[in-house]
Amino acid sequence: MSLARHALFAAALLAASPATADNLLVISDGSDARNAVSYQIDGDGNRLEVLQTASAGGSLTNAINLKIEGDGNGGPSGGAFSGAPLATGLLPGRLTQHGEGNAMDVSITGSSNIFGMAQLGDGNDMTVAVTGRSNLFALAQNGDGNAVTASIRGAGNQAAVQQFGNNNTAVFSQAGNANSVSITQRSY
């Protein structure tokens, strides 16, 4: 188990124990103390890239809180989006924040969950809880003050959320297997 807050951390090989040393987390935060990542990763074959860039002159922190329990989550070798998540243009395993005051709280319990998330703007919020296996999900916020709350439980589910503009809110829950949801919100 690893827990850390970073001002600058280019790359890390995380190991929950000697038997689970095949996790990779790459964090690029532009040497800015306004970017913070905390993580706990238990499992094997999890692959993630975190990109954070704070707005020039801003004072608020971008924060990512990430908890993964399981194997092959994020963007493991060979992991790819299909269906609605593919249409978002996001890359599997990449979490991006550009702006200030953005927050991601991500909890994954299970294996082979492929996901990507992006927040481009200020004051955006994502809360995601996934329990299961082989789920695909991509969440993108482009604007200010947007919020997503997502709960996915089961196997083979797909979800895509794209928010453009300001003050959009999306809340969804998937329970069971092979469910699909695609939400696009535009406010200008």
N, C-alpha and C. Protein backbone atom coordinates (compact mmCIF):
# COMPACT_ATOMS: atom_id res chain seq x y z
N MET A 1 0.84 -1.17 0.00
CA MET A 1 0.00 0.00 0.00
C MET A 1 0.88 1.23 0.00
N SER A 2 0.52 2.22 -0.80
CA SER A 2 1.26 3.45 -0.86
C SER A 2 0.32 4.61 -0.70
N LEU A 3 0.71 5.63 0.05
CA LEU A 3 -0.08 6.83 0.22
C LEU A 3 0.90 7.98 0.15
N ALA A 4 0.61 8.98 -0.72
CA ALA A 4 1.57 10.06 -0.87
C ALA A 4 0.89 11.32 -1.37
N ARG A 5 1.49 12.46 -1.10
CA ARG A 5 1.11 13.74 -1.67
C ARG A 5 2.34 14.24 -2.40
N HIS A 6 2.13 14.73 -3.61
CA HIS A 6 3.25 15.08 -4.47
C HIS A 6 3.27 16.54 -4.84
N ALA A 7 4.47 17.14 -4.81
CA ALA A 7 4.70 18.43 -5.45
C ALA A 7 5.32 18.17 -6.81
N LEU A 8 6.25 17.22 -6.88
CA LEU A 8 6.80 16.78 -8.16
C LEU A 8 7.20 15.33 -8.02
N PHE A 9 6.66 14.51 -8.88
CA PHE A 9 6.97 13.09 -8.84
C PHE A 9 6.85 12.59 -10.26
N ALA A 10 7.96 12.36 -10.93
CA ALA A 10 7.94 12.04 -12.35
C ALA A 10 7.45 10.63 -12.61
N ALA A 11 7.96 9.64 -11.90
CA ALA A 11 7.53 8.26 -12.15
C ALA A 11 7.77 7.43 -10.91
N ALA A 12 6.92 6.43 -10.72
CA ALA A 12 7.07 5.56 -9.56
C ALA A 12 6.64 4.16 -9.91
N LEU A 13 7.35 3.22 -9.37
CA LEU A 13 6.93 1.82 -9.44
C LEU A 13 6.41 1.48 -8.06
N LEU A 14 5.11 1.21 -7.98
CA LEU A 14 4.46 0.99 -6.70
C LEU A 14 4.39 -0.49 -6.40
N ALA A 15 4.59 -0.82 -5.15
CA ALA A 15 4.49 -2.22 -4.76
C ALA A 15 3.71 -2.33 -3.46
N ALA A 16 2.60 -3.04 -3.51
CA ALA A 16 1.83 -3.28 -2.30
C ALA A 16 2.53 -4.33 -1.45
N SER A 17 3.16 -5.28 -2.10
CA SER A 17 3.96 -6.30 -1.43
C SER A 17 4.88 -6.87 -2.50
N PRO A 18 5.88 -7.68 -2.12
CA PRO A 18 6.77 -8.22 -3.13
C PRO A 18 6.05 -9.01 -4.22
N ALA A 19 4.89 -9.57 -3.92
CA ALA A 19 4.17 -10.37 -4.92
C ALA A 19 3.36 -9.50 -5.88
N THR A 20 3.21 -8.20 -5.59
CA THR A 20 2.38 -7.35 -6.44
C THR A 20 3.16 -6.12 -6.90
N ALA A 21 4.35 -6.36 -7.40
CA ALA A 21 5.23 -5.25 -7.77
C ALA A 21 5.07 -4.81 -9.21
N ASP A 22 4.00 -5.18 -9.89
CA ASP A 22 3.85 -4.84 -11.30
C ASP A 22 2.79 -3.77 -11.52
N ASN A 23 2.78 -2.73 -10.70
CA ASN A 23 1.90 -1.59 -10.88
C ASN A 23 2.74 -0.41 -11.33
N LEU A 24 2.21 0.43 -12.22
CA LEU A 24 2.95 1.59 -12.68
C LEU A 24 2.07 2.82 -12.57
N LEU A 25 2.57 3.84 -11.90
CA LEU A 25 1.88 5.12 -11.77
C LEU A 25 2.87 6.20 -12.17
N VAL A 26 2.54 6.98 -13.19
CA VAL A 26 3.38 8.09 -13.63
C VAL A 26 2.62 9.37 -13.32
N ILE A 27 3.25 10.27 -12.57
CA ILE A 27 2.62 11.53 -12.17
C ILE A 27 3.44 12.69 -12.70
N SER A 28 2.78 13.59 -13.42
CA SER A 28 3.41 14.81 -13.92
C SER A 28 2.56 15.97 -13.46
N ASP A 29 3.10 16.79 -12.56
CA ASP A 29 2.30 17.88 -12.01
C ASP A 29 2.92 19.25 -12.21
N GLY A 30 3.89 19.35 -13.10
CA GLY A 30 4.47 20.65 -13.42
C GLY A 30 5.17 21.34 -12.28
N SER A 31 5.65 20.61 -11.30
CA SER A 31 6.37 21.17 -10.16
C SER A 31 5.57 22.22 -9.42
N ASP A 32 4.26 22.09 -9.41
CA ASP A 32 3.40 23.09 -8.79
C ASP A 32 2.76 22.50 -7.54
N ALA A 33 2.97 23.16 -6.41
CA ALA A 33 2.44 22.69 -5.13
C ALA A 33 0.91 22.74 -5.09
N ARG A 34 0.29 23.40 -6.07
CA ARG A 34 -1.18 23.45 -6.12
C ARG A 34 -1.78 22.19 -6.72
N ASN A 35 -0.96 21.24 -7.12
CA ASN A 35 -1.42 19.96 -7.63
C ASN A 35 -1.12 18.89 -6.60
N ALA A 36 -2.10 18.06 -6.28
CA ALA A 36 -1.93 17.03 -5.25
C ALA A 36 -2.54 15.71 -5.70
N VAL A 37 -1.82 14.62 -5.43
CA VAL A 37 -2.31 13.28 -5.72
C VAL A 37 -2.10 12.43 -4.48
N SER A 38 -3.16 11.76 -4.03
CA SER A 38 -3.00 10.75 -2.99
C SER A 38 -3.49 9.45 -3.59
N TYR A 39 -2.81 8.37 -3.25
CA TYR A 39 -3.18 7.09 -3.85
C TYR A 39 -2.91 5.93 -2.92
N GLN A 40 -3.70 4.88 -3.14
CA GLN A 40 -3.52 3.59 -2.48
C GLN A 40 -3.81 2.56 -3.56
N ILE A 41 -2.82 1.77 -3.91
CA ILE A 41 -2.98 0.79 -4.98
C ILE A 41 -2.54 -0.58 -4.47
N ASP A 42 -3.47 -1.51 -4.47
CA ASP A 42 -3.21 -2.89 -4.09
C ASP A 42 -3.61 -3.77 -5.27
N GLY A 43 -2.70 -4.59 -5.75
CA GLY A 43 -3.01 -5.45 -6.88
C GLY A 43 -1.81 -5.56 -7.80
N ASP A 44 -2.07 -5.98 -9.02
CA ASP A 44 -1.00 -6.24 -9.97
C ASP A 44 -1.44 -5.78 -11.36
N GLY A 45 -0.53 -5.25 -12.14
CA GLY A 45 -0.81 -4.88 -13.52
C GLY A 45 -1.68 -3.65 -13.69
N ASN A 46 -1.76 -2.80 -12.68
CA ASN A 46 -2.51 -1.55 -12.78
C ASN A 46 -1.59 -0.50 -13.41
N ARG A 47 -2.11 0.28 -14.39
CA ARG A 47 -1.31 1.26 -15.11
C ARG A 47 -2.06 2.59 -15.17
N LEU A 48 -1.42 3.65 -14.67
CA LEU A 48 -2.05 4.97 -14.65
C LEU A 48 -1.04 6.06 -14.95
N GLU A 49 -1.53 7.11 -15.61
CA GLU A 49 -0.75 8.31 -15.86
C GLU A 49 -1.58 9.49 -15.38
N VAL A 50 -1.00 10.32 -14.51
CA VAL A 50 -1.68 11.49 -13.97
C VAL A 50 -0.98 12.73 -14.51
N LEU A 51 -1.76 13.62 -15.15
CA LEU A 51 -1.24 14.88 -15.68
C LEU A 51 -2.00 16.01 -15.02
N GLN A 52 -1.29 16.90 -14.31
CA GLN A 52 -1.93 18.03 -13.65
C GLN A 52 -1.20 19.31 -14.03
N THR A 53 -1.97 20.34 -14.40
CA THR A 53 -1.43 21.66 -14.70
C THR A 53 -2.33 22.68 -14.04
N ALA A 54 -1.76 23.49 -13.14
CA ALA A 54 -2.54 24.52 -12.46
C ALA A 54 -2.57 25.78 -13.31
N SER A 55 -3.68 26.53 -13.22
CA SER A 55 -3.82 27.79 -13.94
C SER A 55 -2.79 28.80 -13.46
N ALA A 56 -2.26 29.57 -14.40
CA ALA A 56 -1.32 30.64 -14.04
C ALA A 56 -2.04 31.65 -13.15
N GLY A 57 -1.42 31.99 -12.04
CA GLY A 57 -1.98 32.99 -11.14
C GLY A 57 -3.09 32.48 -10.24
N GLY A 58 -3.49 31.24 -10.40
CA GLY A 58 -4.55 30.68 -9.57
C GLY A 58 -4.05 30.36 -8.17
N SER A 59 -4.99 30.14 -7.26
CA SER A 59 -4.60 29.84 -5.88
C SER A 59 -5.20 28.54 -5.36
N LEU A 60 -6.11 27.92 -6.12
CA LEU A 60 -6.78 26.72 -5.64
C LEU A 60 -6.05 25.46 -6.10
N THR A 61 -6.18 24.39 -5.32
CA THR A 61 -5.48 23.13 -5.57
C THR A 61 -6.31 22.20 -6.46
N ASN A 62 -5.63 21.55 -7.41
CA ASN A 62 -6.21 20.41 -8.12
C ASN A 62 -5.88 19.18 -7.29
N ALA A 63 -6.84 18.32 -7.04
CA ALA A 63 -6.61 17.17 -6.17
C ALA A 63 -7.19 15.90 -6.78
N ILE A 64 -6.40 14.83 -6.70
CA ILE A 64 -6.86 13.50 -7.10
C ILE A 64 -6.65 12.57 -5.93
N ASN A 65 -7.72 11.87 -5.54
CA ASN A 65 -7.66 10.84 -4.51
C ASN A 65 -8.01 9.53 -5.21
N LEU A 66 -7.07 8.60 -5.24
CA LEU A 66 -7.22 7.38 -6.02
C LEU A 66 -7.01 6.15 -5.14
N LYS A 67 -7.98 5.23 -5.19
CA LYS A 67 -7.85 3.97 -4.45
C LYS A 67 -8.20 2.83 -5.40
N ILE A 68 -7.27 1.91 -5.58
CA ILE A 68 -7.50 0.75 -6.44
C ILE A 68 -7.17 -0.52 -5.66
N GLU A 69 -8.11 -1.46 -5.68
CA GLU A 69 -7.90 -2.79 -5.13
C GLU A 69 -8.27 -3.78 -6.22
N GLY A 70 -7.26 -4.40 -6.84
CA GLY A 70 -7.52 -5.35 -7.91
C GLY A 70 -6.41 -5.32 -8.93
N ASP A 71 -6.59 -6.07 -10.01
CA ASP A 71 -5.56 -6.25 -11.02
C ASP A 71 -6.00 -5.71 -12.37
N GLY A 72 -5.02 -5.20 -13.14
CA GLY A 72 -5.26 -4.82 -14.53
C GLY A 72 -6.23 -3.66 -14.72
N ASN A 73 -6.21 -2.69 -13.83
CA ASN A 73 -7.10 -1.53 -13.93
C ASN A 73 -6.39 -0.33 -14.52
N GLY A 74 -7.16 0.63 -15.00
CA GLY A 74 -6.62 1.85 -15.58
C GLY A 74 -6.45 1.70 -17.08
N GLY A 75 -5.19 1.61 -17.50
CA GLY A 75 -4.88 1.43 -18.92
C GLY A 75 -3.83 0.37 -19.08
N PRO A 76 -4.12 -0.85 -18.66
CA PRO A 76 -3.11 -1.91 -18.75
C PRO A 76 -2.73 -2.19 -20.20
N SER A 77 -1.62 -2.83 -20.39
CA SER A 77 -1.16 -3.18 -21.72
C SER A 77 -2.26 -3.86 -22.51
N GLY A 78 -2.57 -3.31 -23.68
CA GLY A 78 -3.63 -3.88 -24.50
C GLY A 78 -5.01 -3.37 -24.17
N GLY A 79 -5.14 -2.58 -23.10
CA GLY A 79 -6.44 -2.04 -22.70
C GLY A 79 -6.87 -0.96 -23.67
N ALA A 80 -8.11 -1.02 -24.14
CA ALA A 80 -8.62 -0.03 -25.08
C ALA A 80 -10.10 0.22 -24.83
N PHE A 81 -10.54 1.43 -25.20
CA PHE A 81 -11.95 1.76 -25.13
C PHE A 81 -12.66 1.24 -26.37
N SER A 82 -13.96 0.99 -26.21
CA SER A 82 -14.86 0.70 -27.33
C SER A 82 -16.19 1.34 -26.98
N GLY A 83 -17.11 1.36 -27.92
CA GLY A 83 -18.43 1.91 -27.66
C GLY A 83 -18.38 3.37 -27.25
N ALA A 84 -19.29 3.77 -26.38
CA ALA A 84 -19.42 5.17 -25.96
C ALA A 84 -18.14 5.74 -25.34
N PRO A 85 -17.41 5.01 -24.49
CA PRO A 85 -16.18 5.58 -23.94
C PRO A 85 -15.15 5.96 -25.02
N LEU A 86 -15.12 5.23 -26.13
CA LEU A 86 -14.19 5.53 -27.21
C LEU A 86 -14.47 6.91 -27.81
N ALA A 87 -15.74 7.29 -27.90
CA ALA A 87 -16.14 8.56 -28.51
C ALA A 87 -15.67 9.79 -27.73
N THR A 88 -15.26 9.63 -26.47
CA THR A 88 -14.81 10.77 -25.68
C THR A 88 -13.44 11.26 -26.10
N GLY A 89 -12.66 10.42 -26.76
CA GLY A 89 -11.30 10.80 -27.15
C GLY A 89 -10.29 10.68 -26.02
N LEU A 90 -10.71 10.21 -24.86
CA LEU A 90 -9.78 10.05 -23.74
C LEU A 90 -8.94 8.79 -23.91
N LEU A 91 -7.79 8.78 -23.26
CA LEU A 91 -6.91 7.62 -23.31
C LEU A 91 -7.09 6.76 -22.06
N PRO A 92 -7.16 5.44 -22.21
CA PRO A 92 -7.28 4.56 -21.05
C PRO A 92 -6.10 4.75 -20.08
N GLY A 93 -6.43 4.86 -18.81
CA GLY A 93 -5.41 4.97 -17.78
C GLY A 93 -4.90 6.37 -17.53
N ARG A 94 -5.41 7.37 -18.24
CA ARG A 94 -4.93 8.75 -18.05
C ARG A 94 -5.96 9.57 -17.28
N LEU A 95 -5.48 10.22 -16.21
CA LEU A 95 -6.28 11.15 -15.41
C LEU A 95 -5.66 12.53 -15.60
N THR A 96 -6.43 13.49 -16.12
CA THR A 96 -5.91 14.82 -16.46
C THR A 96 -6.69 15.90 -15.73
N GLN A 97 -5.97 16.85 -15.16
CA GLN A 97 -6.58 18.05 -14.58
C GLN A 97 -5.80 19.26 -15.09
N HIS A 98 -6.52 20.22 -15.68
CA HIS A 98 -5.93 21.47 -16.12
C HIS A 98 -6.84 22.59 -15.67
N GLY A 99 -6.32 23.47 -14.86
CA GLY A 99 -7.12 24.56 -14.31
C GLY A 99 -6.83 24.67 -12.83
N GLU A 100 -7.85 24.99 -12.04
CA GLU A 100 -7.66 25.05 -10.59
C GLU A 100 -8.94 24.68 -9.88
N GLY A 101 -8.77 24.16 -8.66
CA GLY A 101 -9.91 23.79 -7.84
C GLY A 101 -10.68 22.57 -8.33
N ASN A 102 -10.03 21.74 -9.14
CA ASN A 102 -10.66 20.51 -9.63
C ASN A 102 -10.42 19.38 -8.64
N ALA A 103 -11.38 18.46 -8.53
CA ALA A 103 -11.25 17.34 -7.60
C ALA A 103 -11.75 16.05 -8.24
N MET A 104 -10.95 14.98 -8.10
CA MET A 104 -11.35 13.63 -8.52
C MET A 104 -11.20 12.72 -7.32
N ASP A 105 -12.25 11.97 -7.03
CA ASP A 105 -12.21 10.96 -5.98
C ASP A 105 -12.62 9.66 -6.65
N VAL A 106 -11.66 8.75 -6.83
CA VAL A 106 -11.87 7.53 -7.61
C VAL A 106 -11.57 6.31 -6.75
N SER A 107 -12.53 5.40 -6.66
CA SER A 107 -12.37 4.15 -5.92
C SER A 107 -12.73 2.99 -6.84
N ILE A 108 -11.77 2.10 -7.07
CA ILE A 108 -11.95 0.94 -7.94
C ILE A 108 -11.70 -0.32 -7.12
N THR A 109 -12.67 -1.22 -7.08
CA THR A 109 -12.49 -2.52 -6.45
C THR A 109 -12.87 -3.57 -7.48
N GLY A 110 -11.89 -4.32 -7.94
CA GLY A 110 -12.14 -5.32 -8.97
C GLY A 110 -10.99 -5.36 -9.95
N SER A 111 -11.19 -6.04 -11.07
CA SER A 111 -10.11 -6.23 -12.03
C SER A 111 -10.56 -5.91 -13.45
N SER A 112 -9.57 -5.53 -14.26
CA SER A 112 -9.76 -5.27 -15.69
C SER A 112 -10.76 -4.16 -15.98
N ASN A 113 -10.79 -3.15 -15.14
CA ASN A 113 -11.63 -1.98 -15.36
C ASN A 113 -10.79 -0.93 -16.10
N ILE A 114 -11.22 -0.55 -17.30
CA ILE A 114 -10.47 0.37 -18.13
C ILE A 114 -11.15 1.74 -18.03
N PHE A 115 -10.36 2.79 -17.67
CA PHE A 115 -10.98 4.09 -17.47
C PHE A 115 -10.01 5.23 -17.80
N GLY A 116 -10.61 6.38 -18.11
CA GLY A 116 -9.88 7.62 -18.32
C GLY A 116 -10.76 8.78 -17.90
N MET A 117 -10.15 9.85 -17.37
CA MET A 117 -10.91 11.00 -16.90
C MET A 117 -10.14 12.28 -17.17
N ALA A 118 -10.88 13.36 -17.46
CA ALA A 118 -10.25 14.65 -17.71
C ALA A 118 -11.11 15.77 -17.16
N GLN A 119 -10.46 16.74 -16.52
CA GLN A 119 -11.10 17.97 -16.05
C GLN A 119 -10.31 19.14 -16.63
N LEU A 120 -10.92 19.89 -17.51
CA LEU A 120 -10.29 21.04 -18.15
C LEU A 120 -11.13 22.26 -17.80
N GLY A 121 -10.65 23.05 -16.87
CA GLY A 121 -11.40 24.19 -16.38
C GLY A 121 -11.18 24.35 -14.89
N ASP A 122 -12.11 25.01 -14.23
CA ASP A 122 -11.96 25.29 -12.80
C ASP A 122 -13.17 24.79 -12.02
N GLY A 123 -12.91 24.31 -10.81
CA GLY A 123 -13.97 23.94 -9.89
C GLY A 123 -14.82 22.77 -10.31
N ASN A 124 -14.25 21.85 -11.06
CA ASN A 124 -14.99 20.64 -11.47
C ASN A 124 -14.81 19.55 -10.42
N ASP A 125 -15.80 18.65 -10.33
CA ASP A 125 -15.78 17.60 -9.32
C ASP A 125 -16.21 16.27 -9.93
N MET A 126 -15.47 15.21 -9.64
CA MET A 126 -15.84 13.85 -10.04
C MET A 126 -15.71 12.93 -8.83
N THR A 127 -16.76 12.15 -8.60
CA THR A 127 -16.73 11.11 -7.58
C THR A 127 -17.16 9.83 -8.26
N VAL A 128 -16.26 8.83 -8.28
CA VAL A 128 -16.51 7.59 -9.02
C VAL A 128 -16.21 6.40 -8.11
N ALA A 129 -17.17 5.48 -8.02
CA ALA A 129 -16.98 4.23 -7.27
C ALA A 129 -17.33 3.07 -8.20
N VAL A 130 -16.37 2.17 -8.40
CA VAL A 130 -16.57 1.02 -9.27
C VAL A 130 -16.26 -0.24 -8.48
N THR A 131 -17.18 -1.20 -8.53
CA THR A 131 -16.97 -2.51 -7.95
C THR A 131 -17.35 -3.53 -9.01
N GLY A 132 -16.37 -4.31 -9.45
CA GLY A 132 -16.66 -5.31 -10.47
C GLY A 132 -15.48 -5.54 -11.38
N ARG A 133 -15.78 -6.04 -12.58
CA ARG A 133 -14.69 -6.37 -13.50
C ARG A 133 -15.08 -6.04 -14.93
N SER A 134 -14.08 -5.78 -15.72
CA SER A 134 -14.24 -5.55 -17.17
C SER A 134 -15.22 -4.44 -17.51
N ASN A 135 -15.22 -3.38 -16.72
CA ASN A 135 -16.04 -2.21 -17.00
C ASN A 135 -15.20 -1.18 -17.76
N LEU A 136 -15.82 -0.44 -18.67
CA LEU A 136 -15.18 0.63 -19.42
C LEU A 136 -15.88 1.94 -19.08
N PHE A 137 -15.11 2.96 -18.69
CA PHE A 137 -15.75 4.25 -18.46
C PHE A 137 -14.79 5.39 -18.72
N ALA A 138 -15.36 6.48 -19.28
CA ALA A 138 -14.60 7.68 -19.62
C ALA A 138 -15.44 8.89 -19.24
N LEU A 139 -14.85 9.80 -18.48
CA LEU A 139 -15.56 10.98 -17.99
C LEU A 139 -14.75 12.22 -18.34
N ALA A 140 -15.37 13.20 -19.01
CA ALA A 140 -14.67 14.41 -19.43
C ALA A 140 -15.48 15.65 -19.06
N GLN A 141 -14.81 16.60 -18.42
CA GLN A 141 -15.42 17.87 -18.08
C GLN A 141 -14.60 18.99 -18.72
N ASN A 142 -15.24 19.82 -19.53
CA ASN A 142 -14.57 20.91 -20.21
C ASN A 142 -15.37 22.18 -19.93
N GLY A 143 -14.97 22.89 -18.90
CA GLY A 143 -15.68 24.08 -18.46
C GLY A 143 -15.47 24.26 -16.97
N ASP A 144 -16.35 24.99 -16.32
CA ASP A 144 -16.20 25.29 -14.90
C ASP A 144 -17.43 24.84 -14.11
N GLY A 145 -17.18 24.38 -12.88
CA GLY A 145 -18.26 24.05 -11.96
C GLY A 145 -19.10 22.85 -12.33
N ASN A 146 -18.55 21.93 -13.11
CA ASN A 146 -19.27 20.72 -13.50
C ASN A 146 -19.09 19.63 -12.45
N ALA A 147 -20.07 18.72 -12.36
CA ALA A 147 -20.01 17.65 -11.36
C ALA A 147 -20.51 16.34 -11.96
N VAL A 148 -19.79 15.25 -11.63
CA VAL A 148 -20.21 13.90 -11.99
C VAL A 148 -20.12 13.04 -10.73
N THR A 149 -21.18 12.29 -10.46
CA THR A 149 -21.17 11.28 -9.42
C THR A 149 -21.59 9.98 -10.09
N ALA A 150 -20.73 8.97 -10.02
CA ALA A 150 -20.98 7.72 -10.73
C ALA A 150 -20.75 6.52 -9.82
N SER A 151 -21.65 5.54 -9.95
CA SER A 151 -21.52 4.28 -9.25
C SER A 151 -21.73 3.16 -10.27
N ILE A 152 -20.73 2.29 -10.37
CA ILE A 152 -20.80 1.17 -11.32
C ILE A 152 -20.53 -0.11 -10.53
N ARG A 153 -21.49 -1.05 -10.58
CA ARG A 153 -21.35 -2.33 -9.90
C ARG A 153 -21.72 -3.44 -10.86
N GLY A 154 -20.80 -4.36 -11.09
CA GLY A 154 -21.10 -5.48 -11.98
C GLY A 154 -19.96 -5.72 -12.94
N ALA A 155 -20.29 -6.31 -14.09
CA ALA A 155 -19.27 -6.67 -15.08
C ALA A 155 -19.72 -6.26 -16.47
N GLY A 156 -18.74 -5.83 -17.27
CA GLY A 156 -19.01 -5.52 -18.67
C GLY A 156 -19.86 -4.28 -18.90
N ASN A 157 -19.89 -3.37 -17.95
CA ASN A 157 -20.66 -2.14 -18.11
C ASN A 157 -19.84 -1.10 -18.86
N GLN A 158 -20.51 -0.19 -19.58
CA GLN A 158 -19.85 0.90 -20.27
C GLN A 158 -20.52 2.21 -19.87
N ALA A 159 -19.71 3.25 -19.66
CA ALA A 159 -20.24 4.57 -19.32
C ALA A 159 -19.36 5.64 -19.94
N ALA A 160 -20.01 6.66 -20.48
CA ALA A 160 -19.31 7.83 -21.00
C ALA A 160 -20.08 9.08 -20.60
N VAL A 161 -19.38 10.04 -20.02
CA VAL A 161 -19.98 11.33 -19.69
C VAL A 161 -19.08 12.41 -20.25
N GLN A 162 -19.69 13.34 -21.00
CA GLN A 162 -18.98 14.50 -21.51
C GLN A 162 -19.78 15.74 -21.13
N GLN A 163 -19.12 16.67 -20.44
CA GLN A 163 -19.76 17.91 -20.03
C GLN A 163 -19.00 19.08 -20.64
N PHE A 164 -19.72 19.93 -21.37
CA PHE A 164 -19.14 21.11 -22.00
C PHE A 164 -19.85 22.34 -21.46
N GLY A 165 -19.09 23.36 -21.09
CA GLY A 165 -19.68 24.57 -20.54
C GLY A 165 -19.59 24.55 -19.03
N ASN A 166 -20.53 25.23 -18.39
CA ASN A 166 -20.44 25.44 -16.95
C ASN A 166 -21.65 24.91 -16.19
N ASN A 167 -21.38 24.45 -14.98
CA ASN A 167 -22.41 24.07 -14.01
C ASN A 167 -23.33 22.94 -14.46
N ASN A 168 -22.79 21.99 -15.19
CA ASN A 168 -23.53 20.77 -15.54
C ASN A 168 -23.38 19.76 -14.40
N THR A 169 -24.42 18.96 -14.18
CA THR A 169 -24.38 17.91 -13.16
C THR A 169 -24.91 16.61 -13.77
N ALA A 170 -24.14 15.54 -13.58
CA ALA A 170 -24.58 14.21 -14.02
C ALA A 170 -24.41 13.24 -12.86
N VAL A 171 -25.46 12.47 -12.60
CA VAL A 171 -25.43 11.44 -11.56
C VAL A 171 -25.98 10.17 -12.19
N PHE A 172 -25.22 9.07 -12.10
CA PHE A 172 -25.75 7.81 -12.61
C PHE A 172 -25.24 6.64 -11.80
N SER A 173 -26.00 5.55 -11.89
CA SER A 173 -25.66 4.32 -11.21
C SER A 173 -25.94 3.15 -12.16
N GLN A 174 -24.99 2.25 -12.27
CA GLN A 174 -25.18 1.02 -13.03
C GLN A 174 -25.02 -0.15 -12.08
N ALA A 175 -25.98 -1.06 -12.08
CA ALA A 175 -25.90 -2.26 -11.26
C ALA A 175 -26.26 -3.45 -12.13
N GLY A 176 -25.42 -4.45 -12.13
CA GLY A 176 -25.65 -5.61 -12.96
C GLY A 176 -24.58 -5.72 -14.03
N ASN A 177 -24.91 -6.39 -15.13
CA ASN A 177 -23.92 -6.66 -16.16
C ASN A 177 -24.37 -6.11 -17.51
N ALA A 178 -23.38 -5.70 -18.31
CA ALA A 178 -23.57 -5.27 -19.70
C ALA A 178 -24.52 -4.08 -19.84
N ASN A 179 -24.50 -3.18 -18.88
CA ASN A 179 -25.27 -1.94 -18.99
C ASN A 179 -24.45 -0.91 -19.74
N SER A 180 -25.12 0.05 -20.38
CA SER A 180 -24.42 1.11 -21.10
C SER A 180 -25.13 2.43 -20.88
N VAL A 181 -24.36 3.49 -20.61
CA VAL A 181 -24.92 4.83 -20.48
C VAL A 181 -23.97 5.80 -21.17
N SER A 182 -24.55 6.78 -21.87
CA SER A 182 -23.80 7.84 -22.50
C SER A 182 -24.52 9.14 -22.24
N ILE A 183 -23.82 10.09 -21.58
CA ILE A 183 -24.41 11.38 -21.23
C ILE A 183 -23.55 12.48 -21.83
N THR A 184 -24.17 13.38 -22.59
CA THR A 184 -23.48 14.57 -23.09
C THR A 184 -24.29 15.78 -22.67
N GLN A 185 -23.63 16.73 -22.00
CA GLN A 185 -24.30 17.94 -21.53
C GLN A 185 -23.55 19.15 -22.08
N ARG A 186 -24.30 20.13 -22.60
CA ARG A 186 -23.71 21.36 -23.11
C ARG A 186 -24.46 22.55 -22.51
N SER A 187 -23.73 23.48 -21.93
CA SER A 187 -24.33 24.71 -21.43
C SER A 187 -23.35 25.84 -21.73
N TYR A 188 -23.83 26.81 -22.47
CA TYR A 188 -22.97 27.96 -22.82
C TYR A 188 -23.70 29.23 -22.60
